Amino acid sequence: MKIIVLVKEVPDTYGDRKLVPETGLADRAASEAVLDEIGERSLEVALTYKDAHPDTEVIVLSMAPESATATLRKGLAMGATSVVHVADDSLAGADLGLTAEVLAAAITKTGYDLVITGNLSTDGSGGVLPSMLAELLGVPLAGSLSSVEISETGVTGVRLTDAGTIDLTTALPAVIAITESMPDARYPNFKGIMAAKKKPVVSMTAADLGIDPADQNVARSIMLSVAEKPPRTAGTKIVDEGDAGQQLADFLISNKLA
């Protein structure tokens, strides 16, 4: 079994998140860069299967700046077999369409039986990449799974909905997307950290994948403007002098909340 797990380097969820107004891109220096938690959970799904099937190959794949190599090595320390790192300055600020094309090309070049990804990243929050990948790869998608069971021939899982649950099953090859309902990822131990230093990291560029980011037919969207979120203003303070109820009602009505 050859499993590719998609991970992403993101600004720390608990740190400051800022945009660079001149470029519209995330300011990666504003906070510590870490692996997205949903990516770690995806890797945990693959590693749990690998624990029971030692001949399984688990490959961590990411499209990220050159500086992300150190972050991606955490996946190796957790137990992944290797890393495929697509690093190309020309891909900075890539939209979801271009990102999907690059990742699909890297997945195809690497070879796979199963692709595991999170349903939603904590920075972009696009939530459509799993569907786009499945479409480009021409394989089934089992998305938004809260539980997963992998076999040598297929995957079964459960998707939670407002109305109940949906049981899904698909044959391999396939793409699956998990939610935060899946278990937390394991912590790298000392043995894993030392072993990670000897595991391979394969670097690729857009040219290696036959993709030209400058091709106008590749980029699907263009950012026209960007602005920082305005600072939060002080709320309305109501002092009860016997008419607090009326003041509250007037406030709700004036803000079209009632």
C-alpha atoms as a PDB file:
ATOM      1  CA  MET A   1       0.000   0.000   0.000  1.00  0.00           C
ATOM      2  CA  LYS A   2       1.293   3.436  -0.953  1.00  0.00           C
ATOM      3  CA  ILE A   3      -0.417   6.275   0.920  1.00  0.00           C
ATOM      4  CA  ILE A   4       0.173   9.957   0.194  1.00  0.00           C
ATOM      5  CA  VAL A   5      -0.752  12.370   2.966  1.00  0.00           C
ATOM      6  CA  LEU A   6      -1.171  16.042   2.134  1.00  0.00           C
ATOM      7  CA  VAL A   7       0.078  18.445   4.787  1.00  0.00           C
ATOM      8  CA  LYS A   8       0.441  22.205   4.897  1.00  0.00           C
ATOM      9  CA  GLU A   9       2.696  24.628   6.719  1.00  0.00           C
ATOM     10  CA  VAL A  10       0.520  27.335   8.293  1.00  0.00           C
ATOM     11  CA  PRO A  11       0.957  30.189  10.766  1.00  0.00           C
ATOM     12  CA  ASP A  12       0.488  28.980  14.331  1.00  0.00           C
ATOM     13  CA  THR A  13      -3.223  28.920  15.153  1.00  0.00           C
ATOM     14  CA  TYR A  14      -2.520  30.559  18.508  1.00  0.00           C
ATOM     15  CA  GLY A  15      -0.229  33.233  17.083  1.00  0.00           C
ATOM     16  CA  ASP A  16      -0.804  36.436  15.159  1.00  0.00           C
ATOM     17  CA  ARG A  17      -2.064  36.119  11.610  1.00  0.00           C
ATOM     18  CA  LYS A  18      -1.408  39.026   9.300  1.00  0.00           C
ATOM     19  CA  LEU A  19      -1.510  39.789   5.598  1.00  0.00           C
ATOM     20  CA  VAL A  20       1.087  41.729   3.654  1.00  0.00           C
ATOM     21  CA  PRO A  21      -1.034  44.484   2.048  1.00  0.00           C
ATOM     22  CA  GLU A  22       1.376  44.883  -0.882  1.00  0.00           C
ATOM     23  CA  THR A  23       1.111  41.238  -1.951  1.00  0.00           C
ATOM     24  CA  GLY A  24      -2.071  39.986  -0.286  1.00  0.00           C
ATOM     25  CA  LEU A  25      -0.130  36.969   0.989  1.00  0.00           C
ATOM     26  CA  ALA A  26       0.136  35.739   4.556  1.00  0.00           C
ATOM     27  CA  ASP A  27       2.969  37.234   6.565  1.00  0.00           C
ATOM     28  CA  ARG A  28       4.752  34.031   7.516  1.00  0.00           C
ATOM     29  CA  ALA A  29       7.148  35.904   9.777  1.00  0.00           C
ATOM     30  CA  ALA A  30       4.309  37.176  11.975  1.00  0.00           C
ATOM     31  CA  SER A  31       4.124  33.926  13.951  1.00  0.00           C
ATOM     32  CA  GLU A  32       5.716  30.512  14.181  1.00  0.00           C
ATOM     33  CA  ALA A  33       5.183  28.193  11.207  1.00  0.00           C
ATOM     34  CA  VAL A  34       3.739  24.779  12.083  1.00  0.00           C
ATOM     35  CA  LEU A  35       2.119  21.802  10.395  1.00  0.00           C
ATOM     36  CA  ASP A  36      -1.621  22.294  10.124  1.00  0.00           C
ATOM     37  CA  GLU A  37      -3.341  20.209  12.788  1.00  0.00           C
ATOM     38  CA  ILE A  38      -5.750  18.625  10.305  1.00  0.00           C
ATOM     39  CA  GLY A  39      -2.729  17.497   8.263  1.00  0.00           C
ATOM     40  CA  GLU A  40      -1.237  15.869  11.345  1.00  0.00           C
ATOM     41  CA  ARG A  41      -4.509  14.043  11.958  1.00  0.00           C
ATOM     42  CA  SER A  42      -4.479  12.871   8.330  1.00  0.00           C
ATOM     43  CA  LEU A  43      -0.970  11.548   8.840  1.00  0.00           C
ATOM     44  CA  GLU A  44      -2.094   9.762  11.999  1.00  0.00           C
ATOM     45  CA  VAL A  45      -4.731   7.884   9.944  1.00  0.00           C
ATOM     46  CA  ALA A  46      -2.026   6.669   7.568  1.00  0.00           C
ATOM     47  CA  LEU A  47       0.446   5.801  10.326  1.00  0.00           C
ATOM     48  CA  THR A  48      -2.181   3.840  12.258  1.00  0.00           C
ATOM     49  CA  TYR A  49      -2.660   1.662   9.183  1.00  0.00           C
ATOM     50  CA  LYS A  50       1.126   1.412   8.751  1.00  0.00           C
ATOM     51  CA  ASP A  51       1.495   0.219  12.356  1.00  0.00           C
ATOM     52  CA  ALA A  52      -0.628  -2.813  11.475  1.00  0.00           C
ATOM     53  CA  HIS A  53       0.871  -3.218   7.981  1.00  0.00           C
ATOM     54  CA  PRO A  54       4.625  -2.498   8.208  1.00  0.00           C
ATOM     55  CA  ASP A  55       5.155  -2.806   4.447  1.00  0.00           C
ATOM     56  CA  THR A  56       2.995   0.301   3.895  1.00  0.00           C
ATOM     57  CA  GLU A  57       4.735   3.327   2.409  1.00  0.00           C
ATOM     58  CA  VAL A  58       3.521   6.657   3.820  1.00  0.00           C
ATOM     59  CA  ILE A  59       4.604   9.737   1.869  1.00  0.00           C
ATOM     60  CA  VAL A  60       4.088  13.274   3.142  1.00  0.00           C
ATOM     61  CA  LEU A  61       3.419  15.705   0.276  1.00  0.00           C
ATOM     62  CA  SER A  62       3.316  19.485   0.481  1.00  0.00           C
ATOM     63  CA  MET A  63       3.540  22.516  -1.769  1.00  0.00           C
ATOM     64  CA  ALA A  64       5.407  25.028   0.365  1.00  0.00           C
ATOM     65  CA  PRO A  65       8.348  27.462   0.386  1.00  0.00           C
ATOM     66  CA  GLU A  66      11.892  26.129   0.629  1.00  0.00           C
ATOM     67  CA  SER A  67      11.965  27.198   4.270  1.00  0.00           C
ATOM     68  CA  ALA A  68       9.222  24.676   5.101  1.00  0.00           C
ATOM     69  CA  THR A  69      11.535  21.657   4.868  1.00  0.00           C
ATOM     70  CA  ALA A  70      12.276  21.733   8.587  1.00  0.00           C
ATOM     71  CA  THR A  71       8.556  21.833   9.386  1.00  0.00           C
ATOM     72  CA  LEU A  72       7.812  18.958   7.011  1.00  0.00           C
ATOM     73  CA  ARG A  73      10.438  16.815   8.713  1.00  0.00           C
ATOM     74  CA  LYS A  74       8.080  16.558  11.670  1.00  0.00           C
ATOM     75  CA  GLY A  75       6.056  14.184   9.506  1.00  0.00           C
ATOM     76  CA  LEU A  76       9.144  12.003   9.129  1.00  0.00           C
ATOM     77  CA  ALA A  77       9.735  12.101  12.884  1.00  0.00           C
ATOM     78  CA  MET A  78       6.152  10.966  13.425  1.00  0.00           C
ATOM     79  CA  GLY A  79       6.808   7.913  11.254  1.00  0.00           C
ATOM     80  CA  ALA A  80       6.304   8.796   7.582  1.00  0.00           C
ATOM     81  CA  THR A  81       8.557   7.032   5.084  1.00  0.00           C
ATOM     82  CA  SER A  82       9.536  10.079   3.012  1.00  0.00           C
ATOM     83  CA  VAL A  83       8.623  13.642   2.076  1.00  0.00           C
ATOM     84  CA  VAL A  84       7.850  15.081  -1.342  1.00  0.00           C
ATOM     85  CA  HIS A  85       8.291  18.844  -1.196  1.00  0.00           C
ATOM     86  CA  VAL A  86       7.115  20.954  -4.122  1.00  0.00           C
ATOM     87  CA  ALA A  87       9.057  24.185  -3.626  1.00  0.00           C
ATOM     88  CA  ASP A  88       9.008  26.870  -6.293  1.00  0.00           C
ATOM     89  CA  ASP A  89       8.988  30.654  -5.782  1.00  0.00           C
ATOM     90  CA  SER A  90       6.796  31.035  -8.860  1.00  0.00           C
ATOM     91  CA  LEU A  91       4.006  29.220  -6.990  1.00  0.00           C
ATOM     92  CA  ALA A  92       3.802  31.809  -4.201  1.00  0.00           C
ATOM     93  CA  GLY A  93       0.212  32.986  -3.857  1.00  0.00           C
ATOM     94  CA  ALA A  94      -1.137  30.188  -6.072  1.00  0.00           C
ATOM     95  CA  ASP A  95      -4.921  30.001  -6.136  1.00  0.00           C
ATOM     96  CA  LEU A  96      -6.778  26.775  -5.369  1.00  0.00           C
ATOM     97  CA  GLY A  97      -6.974  25.806  -9.033  1.00  0.00           C
ATOM     98  CA  LEU A  98      -3.224  26.034  -9.547  1.00  0.00           C
ATOM     99  CA  THR A  99      -2.528  24.408  -6.185  1.00  0.00           C
ATOM    100  CA  ALA A 100      -4.744  21.459  -7.090  1.00  0.00           C
ATOM    101  CA  GLU A 101      -3.057  21.035 -10.469  1.00  0.00           C
ATOM    102  CA  VAL A 102       0.413  21.083  -8.918  1.00  0.00           C
ATOM    103  CA  LEU A 103      -0.498  18.610  -6.168  1.00  0.00           C
ATOM    104  CA  ALA A 104      -2.315  16.292  -8.588  1.00  0.00           C
ATOM    105  CA  ALA A 105       0.734  16.267 -10.861  1.00  0.00           C
ATOM    106  CA  ALA A 106       3.038  15.511  -7.911  1.00  0.00           C
ATOM    107  CA  ILE A 107       0.722  12.743  -6.710  1.00  0.00           C
ATOM    108  CA  THR A 108       0.627  11.176 -10.174  1.00  0.00           C
ATOM    109  CA  LYS A 109       4.400  11.381 -10.545  1.00  0.00           C
ATOM    110  CA  THR A 110       4.973   9.847  -7.110  1.00  0.00           C
ATOM    111  CA  GLY A 111       2.398   7.079  -7.532  1.00  0.00           C
ATOM    112  CA  TYR A 112      -0.235   6.167  -4.962  1.00  0.00           C
ATOM    113  CA  ASP A 113      -3.008   3.836  -3.838  1.00  0.00           C
ATOM    114  CA  LEU A 114      -4.655   6.288  -1.450  1.00  0.00           C
ATOM    115  CA  VAL A 115      -4.506  10.039  -0.863  1.00  0.00           C
ATOM    116  CA  ILE A 116      -5.458  11.345   2.594  1.00  0.00           C
ATOM    117  CA  THR A 117      -6.064  15.011   3.282  1.00  0.00           C
ATOM    118  CA  GLY A 118      -7.906  17.227   5.712  1.00  0.00           C
ATOM    119  CA  ASN A 119     -11.246  18.681   4.729  1.00  0.00           C
ATOM    120  CA  LEU A 120     -10.279  22.268   5.552  1.00  0.00           C
ATOM    121  CA  SER A 121      -7.025  24.104   6.241  1.00  0.00           C
ATOM    122  CA  THR A 122      -6.853  26.571   9.106  1.00  0.00           C
ATOM    123  CA  ASP A 123      -5.366  29.389   7.030  1.00  0.00           C
ATOM    124  CA  GLY A 124      -7.094  29.433   3.638  1.00  0.00           C
ATOM    125  CA  SER A 125     -10.238  27.556   4.727  1.00  0.00           C
ATOM    126  CA  GLY A 126     -11.116  26.861   1.087  1.00  0.00           C
ATOM    127  CA  GLY A 127     -12.514  23.391   1.719  1.00  0.00           C
ATOM    128  CA  VAL A 128     -12.614  22.425  -1.983  1.00  0.00           C
ATOM    129  CA  LEU A 129      -9.135  21.003  -2.575  1.00  0.00           C
ATOM    130  CA  PRO A 130     -10.090  17.332  -1.921  1.00  0.00           C
ATOM    131  CA  SER A 131     -12.846  17.528  -4.551  1.00  0.00           C
ATOM    132  CA  MET A 132     -10.566  19.245  -7.061  1.00  0.00           C
ATOM    133  CA  LEU A 133      -7.844  16.627  -6.549  1.00  0.00           C
ATOM    134  CA  ALA A 134     -10.255  13.723  -7.005  1.00  0.00           C
ATOM    135  CA  GLU A 135     -11.550  15.314 -10.209  1.00  0.00           C
ATOM    136  CA  LEU A 136      -8.053  15.881 -11.618  1.00  0.00           C
ATOM    137  CA  LEU A 137      -6.870  12.396 -10.628  1.00  0.00           C
ATOM    138  CA  GLY A 138     -10.055  10.774 -11.930  1.00  0.00           C
ATOM    139  CA  VAL A 139     -10.681   8.791  -8.739  1.00  0.00           C
ATOM    140  CA  PRO A 140     -13.524   8.643  -6.178  1.00  0.00           C
ATOM    141  CA  LEU A 141     -13.678  11.034  -3.225  1.00  0.00           C
ATOM    142  CA  ALA A 142     -14.912  10.131   0.246  1.00  0.00           C
ATOM    143  CA  GLY A 143     -15.017  13.478   2.018  1.00  0.00           C
ATOM    144  CA  SER A 144     -15.736  14.922   5.464  1.00  0.00           C
ATOM    145  CA  LEU A 145     -15.131  11.605   7.213  1.00  0.00           C
ATOM    146  CA  SER A 146     -15.358  11.406  10.997  1.00  0.00           C
ATOM    147  CA  SER A 147     -14.078   7.809  11.058  1.00  0.00           C
ATOM    148  CA  VAL A 148     -12.017   5.776   8.599  1.00  0.00           C
ATOM    149  CA  GLU A 149     -11.171   2.127   8.074  1.00  0.00           C
ATOM    150  CA  ILE A 150      -8.597   1.272   5.415  1.00  0.00           C
ATOM    151  CA  SER A 151      -8.211  -2.155   3.810  1.00  0.00           C
ATOM    152  CA  GLU A 152      -5.978  -3.436   1.031  1.00  0.00           C
ATOM    153  CA  THR A 153      -8.710  -2.902  -1.536  1.00  0.00           C
ATOM    154  CA  GLY A 154     -10.744   0.056  -0.303  1.00  0.00           C
ATOM    155  CA  VAL A 155     -11.810   2.513   2.364  1.00  0.00           C
ATOM    156  CA  THR A 156     -14.947   2.756   4.463  1.00  0.00           C
ATOM    157  CA  GLY A 157     -15.915   5.707   6.592  1.00  0.00           C
ATOM    158  CA  VAL A 158     -18.671   7.681   8.257  1.00  0.00           C
ATOM    159  CA  ARG A 159     -19.748  11.221   7.473  1.00  0.00           C
ATOM    160  CA  LEU A 160     -21.733  13.142  10.057  1.00  0.00           C
ATOM    161  CA  THR A 161     -24.590  15.331   8.830  1.00  0.00           C
ATOM    162  CA  ASP A 162     -27.259  17.456  10.500  1.00  0.00           C
ATOM    163  CA  ALA A 163     -29.765  14.712   9.716  1.00  0.00           C
ATOM    164  CA  GLY A 164     -27.698  11.748  10.892  1.00  0.00           C
ATOM    165  CA  THR A 165     -24.777   9.741   9.489  1.00  0.00           C
ATOM    166  CA  ILE A 166     -23.759   8.521   6.058  1.00  0.00           C
ATOM    167  CA  ASP A 167     -21.755   5.313   5.637  1.00  0.00           C
ATOM    168  CA  LEU A 168     -19.357   5.547   2.695  1.00  0.00           C
ATOM    169  CA  THR A 169     -17.197   2.994   0.935  1.00  0.00           C
ATOM    170  CA  THR A 170     -14.912   3.277  -2.059  1.00  0.00           C
ATOM    171  CA  ALA A 171     -12.421   1.112  -3.887  1.00  0.00           C
ATOM    172  CA  LEU A 172      -8.796   2.150  -4.344  1.00  0.00           C
ATOM    173  CA  PRO A 173      -7.263   4.272  -5.723  1.00  0.00           C
ATOM    174  CA  ALA A 174      -9.161   7.085  -4.032  1.00  0.00           C
ATOM    175  CA  VAL A 175      -8.958  10.408  -2.221  1.00  0.00           C
ATOM    176  CA  ILE A 176     -10.358  10.726   1.294  1.00  0.00           C
ATOM    177  CA  ALA A 177     -10.755  13.875   3.394  1.00  0.00           C
ATOM    178  CA  ILE A 178     -11.047  13.701   7.171  1.00  0.00           C
ATOM    179  CA  THR A 179     -12.461  16.089   9.760  1.00  0.00           C
ATOM    180  CA  GLU A 180     -11.256  17.115  13.202  1.00  0.00           C
ATOM    181  CA  SER A 181     -13.393  14.321  14.654  1.00  0.00           C
ATOM    182  CA  MET A 182     -10.469  11.992  13.951  1.00  0.00           C
ATOM    183  CA  PRO A 183      -8.012  11.252  16.793  1.00  0.00           C
ATOM    184  CA  ASP A 184      -5.173  13.608  17.685  1.00  0.00           C
ATOM    185  CA  ALA A 185      -1.821  12.927  16.054  1.00  0.00           C
ATOM    186  CA  ARG A 186       0.970  11.147  17.914  1.00  0.00           C
ATOM    187  CA  TYR A 187       3.975  13.050  19.198  1.00  0.00           C
ATOM    188  CA  PRO A 188       7.379  12.325  17.642  1.00  0.00           C
ATOM    189  CA  ASN A 189       9.603  10.377  20.026  1.00  0.00           C
ATOM    190  CA  PHE A 190      13.391  10.543  20.257  1.00  0.00           C
ATOM    191  CA  LYS A 191      13.849   7.474  18.071  1.00  0.00           C
ATOM    192  CA  GLY A 192      11.604   8.952  15.393  1.00  0.00           C
ATOM    193  CA  ILE A 193      13.362  12.318  15.494  1.00  0.00           C
ATOM    194  CA  MET A 194      16.768  10.687  15.003  1.00  0.00           C
ATOM    195  CA  ALA A 195      15.461   8.403  12.237  1.00  0.00           C
ATOM    196  CA  ALA A 196      13.942  11.383  10.413  1.00  0.00           C
ATOM    197  CA  LYS A 197      17.413  12.766   9.722  1.00  0.00           C
ATOM    198  CA  LYS A 198      18.156   9.830   7.422  1.00  0.00           C
ATOM    199  CA  LYS A 199      14.820   9.690   5.604  1.00  0.00           C
ATOM    200  CA  PRO A 200      14.584  11.112   2.074  1.00  0.00           C
ATOM    201  CA  VAL A 201      13.114  14.489   1.174  1.00  0.00           C
ATOM    202  CA  VAL A 202      12.407  14.704  -2.562  1.00  0.00           C
ATOM    203  CA  SER A 203      12.213  18.248  -3.934  1.00  0.00           C
ATOM    204  CA  MET A 204      10.227  19.151  -7.032  1.00  0.00           C
ATOM    205  CA  THR A 205       9.550  22.352  -8.950  1.00  0.00           C
ATOM    206  CA  ALA A 206       6.655  23.357 -11.167  1.00  0.00           C
ATOM    207  CA  ALA A 207       8.855  22.670 -14.197  1.00  0.00           C
ATOM    208  CA  ASP A 208       9.541  19.127 -12.961  1.00  0.00           C
ATOM    209  CA  LEU A 209       5.776  18.592 -13.015  1.00  0.00           C
ATOM    210  CA  GLY A 210       5.279  20.127 -16.452  1.00  0.00           C
ATOM    211  CA  ILE A 211       3.397  23.151 -15.104  1.00  0.00           C
ATOM    212  CA  ASP A 212       4.054  26.765 -16.038  1.00  0.00           C
ATOM    213  CA  PRO A 213       2.600  29.063 -13.349  1.00  0.00           C
ATOM    214  CA  ALA A 214       2.883  32.004 -15.765  1.00  0.00           C
ATOM    215  CA  ASP A 215       0.429  30.374 -18.156  1.00  0.00           C
ATOM    216  CA  GLN A 216      -2.737  32.460 -17.993  1.00  0.00           C
ATOM    217  CA  ASN A 217      -4.767  29.313 -18.608  1.00  0.00           C
ATOM    218  CA  VAL A 218      -3.530  27.838 -15.320  1.00  0.00           C
ATOM    219  CA  ALA A 219      -4.407  30.527 -12.764  1.00  0.00           C
ATOM    220  CA  ARG A 220      -8.152  30.609 -12.171  1.00  0.00           C
ATOM    221  CA  SER A 221      -8.390  33.735 -10.020  1.00  0.00           C
ATOM    222  CA  ILE A 222      -6.571  37.002  -9.487  1.00  0.00           C
ATOM    223  CA  MET A 223      -6.583  39.036  -6.262  1.00  0.00           C
ATOM    224  CA  LEU A 224      -7.637  42.602  -7.016  1.00  0.00           C
ATOM    225  CA  SER A 225      -7.247  44.188  -3.588  1.00  0.00           C
ATOM    226  CA  VAL A 226      -6.577  43.341   0.034  1.00  0.00           C
ATOM    227  CA  ALA A 227      -6.969  45.255   3.280  1.00  0.00           C
ATOM    228  CA  GLU A 228      -6.321  44.501   6.922  1.00  0.00           C
ATOM    229  CA  LYS A 229      -9.279  43.810   9.160  1.00  0.00           C
ATOM    230  CA  PRO A 230     -10.291  47.058  10.887  1.00  0.00           C
ATOM    231  CA  PRO A 231      -9.539  47.256  14.599  1.00  0.00           C
ATOM    232  CA  ARG A 232     -12.337  46.239  16.906  1.00  0.00           C
ATOM    233  CA  THR A 233     -14.255  49.178  18.298  1.00  0.00           C
ATOM    234  CA  ALA A 234     -15.684  49.493  21.780  1.00  0.00           C
ATOM    235  CA  GLY A 235     -19.163  48.064  22.163  1.00  0.00           C
ATOM    236  CA  THR A 236     -22.257  49.946  23.225  1.00  0.00           C
ATOM    237  CA  LYS A 237     -22.528  50.178  26.998  1.00  0.00           C
ATOM    238  CA  ILE A 238     -26.003  50.215  28.512  1.00  0.00           C
ATOM    239  CA  VAL A 239     -26.376  51.577  32.038  1.00  0.00           C
ATOM    240  CA  ASP A 240     -29.551  50.457  33.773  1.00  0.00           C
ATOM    241  CA  GLU A 241     -31.416  53.452  35.106  1.00  0.00           C
ATOM    242  CA  GLY A 242     -34.770  51.798  34.886  1.00  0.00           C
ATOM    243  CA  ASP A 243     -34.895  51.831  31.087  1.00  0.00           C
ATOM    244  CA  ALA A 244     -32.211  49.269  30.219  1.00  0.00           C
ATOM    245  CA  GLY A 245     -34.782  46.993  28.582  1.00  0.00           C
ATOM    246  CA  GLN A 246     -35.936  49.766  26.266  1.00  0.00           C
ATOM    247  CA  GLN A 247     -32.347  50.730  25.449  1.00  0.00           C
ATOM    248  CA  LEU A 248     -31.523  47.117  24.602  1.00  0.00           C
ATOM    249  CA  ALA A 249     -34.616  46.805  22.409  1.00  0.00           C
ATOM    250  CA  ASP A 250     -33.764  50.047  20.599  1.00  0.00           C
ATOM    251  CA  PHE A 251     -30.183  48.838  20.051  1.00  0.00           C
ATOM    252  CA  LEU A 252     -31.340  45.526  18.553  1.00  0.00           C
ATOM    253  CA  ILE A 253     -33.832  47.223  16.285  1.00  0.00           C
ATOM    254  CA  SER A 254     -31.359  49.862  15.072  1.00  0.00           C
ATOM    255  CA  ASN A 255     -28.883  47.117  14.154  1.00  0.00           C
ATOM    256  CA  LYS A 256     -31.612  45.067  12.492  1.00  0.00           C
ATOM    257  CA  LEU A 257     -31.115  42.260  15.015  1.00  0.00           C
ATOM    258  CA  ALA A 258     -34.744  42.160  16.089  1.00  0.00           C
END
